[in-house]
């Protein structure tokens, strides 16, 4: 029998699954294909953005969530905040990997190359390495308190790259070849495209919340199991 603690995660998972499925269908059968006259043609290159952008923005939001609880841990030294920050970083890793994959698919389809060292791609790649480095750091420190402290500090400083990567295409427009889909007659000026994007974004965030809740529940079960083992051993 499922406990009530599972209900928000299950509801969020169901809603997220339905919305992302709906967004996938809307991307091909409802939203316009050709958004930018001089940039997109009749192919699936723009459809990728309906998933690439929500995944990328989710990575920034989840990273911010992880950074917030890293700060909370340093302020309170409460281990639950370290756990929340770590789980947030796990989600961030999932989303940055998905962002890199979907971004590379678009890059290959549109530019006929798998990678280009332009400002957005470069700063996001650095962010990906920092997120991976976070887990390398956690695995290299044995003492629990020091591991939590070092990881929190690293997460906070690593997060600085997130807003840099987010705004760099607007600050360095002349040097950046990365599309800005909310400007120049893009998503914001095309209702069908904007609705599709919003559905995809909400669905992605629902899935993120569901995964986080499930991982948090798993951590609680592990803690209870460890406590039971200690009690039985005593």
Foldseek 3Di string as FASTA:
>chain_A
DDDPLLVLLVVLLVLLVVLQVVLLCLLPPPFDQDQDPPAGDPDCLVSLCLQLVLLLVVLLVLLVQLLVLLVVCVVPVDVVSLVLSVLSLVLSLVSLVVNLVSVQVSCCVRVVDSDDPFQLRVLSVLLNVLSVVLVVQLVVDDDPSVSSNVSNVSSNVSSVSSVCSVCVCVVPVVRGPDDDQCDDRHLVNGPSSVVSSVSNNSSVVSNSVSSSSVVVVVVVVVVVVVVVVVVVVD
